[in-house]
Amino acid sequence: MINTKTPPICLICSEPIQLIALFSGFCYNRDYNKFCGGSRDYANPDILVSPQWVDANKEKDGLVIVDCPWEYSSYTRAHIPGALHLEWSQLLENSNDGEAVRTFKSAEDIEALLGRAGVDSSKNIATHCQAAVRATFTAFALELMGFNSAKVYDGSMAEWANREDTPLE
């Protein structure tokens, strides 16, 4: 049993571990320059990317940033400059039925959806949403579709929109 009154301490950085970190298997304290990952600078730099990485790469021709919000109005209110909109639930059958079992749409339907959204398999992809949950799901779906370079900006809009050094559209 975990005593939540006294948070456990990370054995690497000696900072209190946030509860979410207990479930995700790593400690982070939202200071991306001080991320705990043992000898690595970031938990899994092959998949998870920092706001500095997104900012440095967002205007490169080989990168597509995909915003995966809960609803379209979240995208229209604000998003990372140049980000494309792809509502994560559109990847699923029965996405509007709260009682139904949700399964992925066919590969052909997903491929057509990605094409309409402007997501190109020849490009590097970085997904984000509000808190990286839907972004992670979307990156997983992209991997299933053969997109080998899909990354997740795990800070997502919860972080990006609250920083002074990151622009919004």
Protein backbone atom coordinates (compact mmCIF):
# COMPACT_ATOMS: atom_id res chain seq x y z
CA MET A 1 0.00 0.00 0.00
CA ILE A 2 1.22 3.50 -0.87
CA ASN A 3 1.04 6.16 1.82
CA THR A 4 0.01 9.27 -0.14
CA LYS A 5 0.50 11.63 2.82
CA THR A 6 4.25 11.30 2.46
CA PRO A 7 5.21 10.93 -1.19
CA PRO A 8 8.02 8.51 -1.95
CA ILE A 9 11.38 9.99 -2.89
CA CYS A 10 13.02 9.33 -6.24
CA LEU A 11 16.23 7.34 -5.74
CA ILE A 12 17.89 9.23 -8.59
CA CYS A 13 17.11 12.92 -7.95
CA SER A 14 15.84 12.81 -4.33
CA GLU A 15 12.72 14.78 -5.31
CA PRO A 16 9.23 13.68 -4.18
CA ILE A 17 7.68 11.46 -6.83
CA GLN A 18 4.35 12.64 -8.25
CA LEU A 19 1.60 10.00 -8.05
CA ILE A 20 1.31 9.84 -11.82
CA ALA A 21 4.96 8.79 -11.96
CA LEU A 22 4.23 5.78 -9.78
CA PHE A 23 1.88 4.45 -12.43
CA SER A 24 3.98 5.40 -15.44
CA GLY A 25 7.15 3.88 -14.00
CA PHE A 26 9.39 6.93 -13.98
CA CYS A 27 9.92 10.07 -11.96
CA TYR A 28 9.69 13.52 -13.41
CA ASN A 29 9.37 16.88 -11.76
CA ARG A 30 8.36 18.95 -14.81
CA ASP A 31 11.84 20.50 -15.03
CA TYR A 32 12.91 18.94 -18.31
CA ASN A 33 16.51 19.91 -17.72
CA LYS A 34 16.42 17.76 -14.58
CA PHE A 35 14.49 14.73 -15.80
CA CYS A 36 15.07 11.48 -13.96
CA GLY A 37 15.94 8.59 -16.17
CA GLY A 38 19.14 7.29 -14.72
CA SER A 39 21.92 7.97 -17.18
CA ARG A 40 19.57 9.32 -19.89
CA ASP A 41 18.60 12.95 -20.35
CA TYR A 42 14.99 11.97 -21.07
CA ALA A 43 12.91 8.88 -20.28
CA ASN A 44 12.84 7.48 -23.82
CA PRO A 45 14.26 9.98 -26.31
CA ASP A 46 13.32 7.67 -29.19
CA ILE A 47 9.63 8.24 -28.40
CA LEU A 48 9.12 11.03 -25.83
CA VAL A 49 10.24 14.53 -26.74
CA SER A 50 10.65 17.71 -24.72
CA PRO A 51 9.26 21.19 -25.41
CA GLN A 52 12.75 22.26 -26.43
CA TRP A 53 12.82 19.49 -29.04
CA VAL A 54 9.38 20.47 -30.38
CA ASP A 55 10.31 24.16 -30.52
CA ALA A 56 13.63 23.47 -32.25
CA ASN A 57 12.06 21.13 -34.82
CA LYS A 58 8.55 22.55 -35.40
CA GLU A 59 9.48 24.46 -38.54
CA LYS A 60 11.64 21.78 -40.12
CA ASP A 61 10.29 20.41 -43.37
CA GLY A 62 10.55 16.79 -42.24
CA LEU A 63 8.34 17.17 -39.14
CA VAL A 64 4.56 17.07 -38.82
CA ILE A 65 3.09 18.03 -35.44
CA VAL A 66 -0.28 16.39 -34.86
CA ASP A 67 -2.69 17.84 -32.29
CA CYS A 68 -5.03 15.10 -31.00
CA PRO A 69 -7.57 16.99 -28.89
CA TRP A 70 -10.74 15.68 -27.30
CA GLU A 71 -12.75 17.99 -29.52
CA TYR A 72 -12.07 20.33 -32.45
CA SER A 73 -12.75 23.47 -30.41
CA SER A 74 -9.63 22.74 -28.31
CA TYR A 75 -7.56 22.85 -31.49
CA THR A 76 -9.18 26.05 -32.75
CA ARG A 77 -8.64 27.85 -29.42
CA ALA A 78 -4.88 27.32 -29.46
CA HIS A 79 -2.29 24.91 -30.78
CA ILE A 80 1.43 24.63 -31.46
CA PRO A 81 2.21 26.65 -34.60
CA GLY A 82 1.84 24.53 -37.73
CA ALA A 83 0.19 21.61 -35.93
CA LEU A 84 -2.35 19.57 -37.87
CA HIS A 85 -5.65 18.51 -36.30
CA LEU A 86 -6.47 14.82 -35.94
CA GLU A 87 -9.16 13.92 -33.46
CA TRP A 88 -7.98 10.69 -31.86
CA SER A 89 -11.46 9.14 -31.63
CA GLN A 90 -11.79 9.19 -35.42
CA LEU A 91 -9.34 6.28 -35.47
CA LEU A 92 -11.96 4.12 -33.75
CA GLU A 93 -15.18 2.40 -34.73
CA ASN A 94 -18.16 3.36 -32.55
CA SER A 95 -16.32 6.44 -31.32
CA ASN A 96 -19.57 8.30 -30.53
CA ASP A 97 -21.23 5.43 -28.66
CA GLY A 98 -20.21 5.42 -25.00
CA GLU A 99 -21.65 1.94 -24.51
CA ALA A 100 -19.99 0.26 -27.49
CA VAL A 101 -16.74 -1.64 -27.58
CA ARG A 102 -14.31 0.51 -29.50
CA THR A 103 -11.94 -1.06 -31.98
CA PHE A 104 -9.62 0.44 -34.53
CA LYS A 105 -11.09 1.24 -37.90
CA SER A 106 -9.73 -0.69 -40.85
CA ALA A 107 -6.23 0.12 -42.03
CA GLU A 108 -7.72 1.53 -45.24
CA ASP A 109 -10.05 3.87 -43.33
CA ILE A 110 -7.26 5.05 -41.04
CA GLU A 111 -4.93 5.60 -43.99
CA ALA A 112 -7.60 7.72 -45.71
CA LEU A 113 -8.23 9.69 -42.50
CA LEU A 114 -4.52 10.37 -42.04
CA GLY A 115 -4.24 11.47 -45.67
CA ARG A 116 -7.15 13.92 -45.29
CA ALA A 117 -5.54 15.30 -42.12
CA GLY A 118 -2.22 15.81 -43.95
CA VAL A 119 -0.29 13.21 -41.95
CA ASP A 120 2.42 11.84 -44.25
CA SER A 121 4.25 8.58 -43.44
CA SER A 122 7.43 9.90 -45.08
CA LYS A 123 7.70 12.63 -42.42
CA ASN A 124 8.65 12.53 -38.75
CA ILE A 125 5.56 12.83 -36.56
CA ALA A 126 5.22 14.36 -33.09
CA THR A 127 1.82 14.03 -31.42
CA HIS A 128 0.41 16.10 -28.57
CA CYS A 129 -2.94 16.74 -26.90
CA GLN A 130 -3.76 18.24 -23.49
CA ALA A 131 -1.85 15.80 -21.27
CA ALA A 132 -0.29 13.23 -23.68
CA VAL A 133 -2.94 10.54 -23.15
CA ARG A 134 -4.62 10.86 -26.56
CA ALA A 135 -1.26 11.76 -28.12
CA THR A 136 0.19 8.47 -26.88
CA PHE A 137 -2.82 6.55 -28.22
CA THR A 138 -2.46 8.30 -31.60
CA ALA A 139 1.29 7.59 -31.77
CA PHE A 140 0.52 3.93 -31.01
CA ALA A 141 -2.04 3.86 -33.83
CA LEU A 142 0.52 5.46 -36.17
CA GLU A 143 3.06 2.81 -35.19
CA LEU A 144 0.51 0.09 -35.97
CA MET A 145 0.06 1.72 -39.38
CA GLY A 146 3.81 1.55 -40.06
CA PHE A 147 4.84 5.07 -39.06
CA ASN A 148 8.19 4.22 -37.47
CA SER A 149 9.11 7.76 -36.49
CA ALA A 150 6.08 8.79 -34.38
CA LYS A 151 7.04 10.63 -31.20
CA VAL A 152 4.98 11.98 -28.29
CA TYR A 153 5.43 15.41 -26.75
CA ASP A 154 4.46 14.27 -23.28
CA GLY A 155 4.18 17.73 -21.75
CA SER A 156 1.55 18.49 -24.40
CA MET A 157 -0.61 21.62 -24.22
CA ALA A 158 -0.76 21.51 -20.41
CA GLU A 159 2.89 22.48 -20.49
CA TRP A 160 3.25 24.29 -23.85
CA ALA A 161 0.43 26.77 -23.21
CA ASN A 162 1.76 27.61 -19.74
CA ARG A 163 5.31 28.45 -20.77
CA GLU A 164 6.35 31.97 -21.65
CA ASP A 165 8.88 30.84 -24.27
CA THR A 166 6.52 28.77 -26.46
CA PRO A 167 4.30 30.34 -29.14
CA LEU A 168 0.67 29.50 -29.85
CA GLU A 169 -1.50 29.81 -32.95
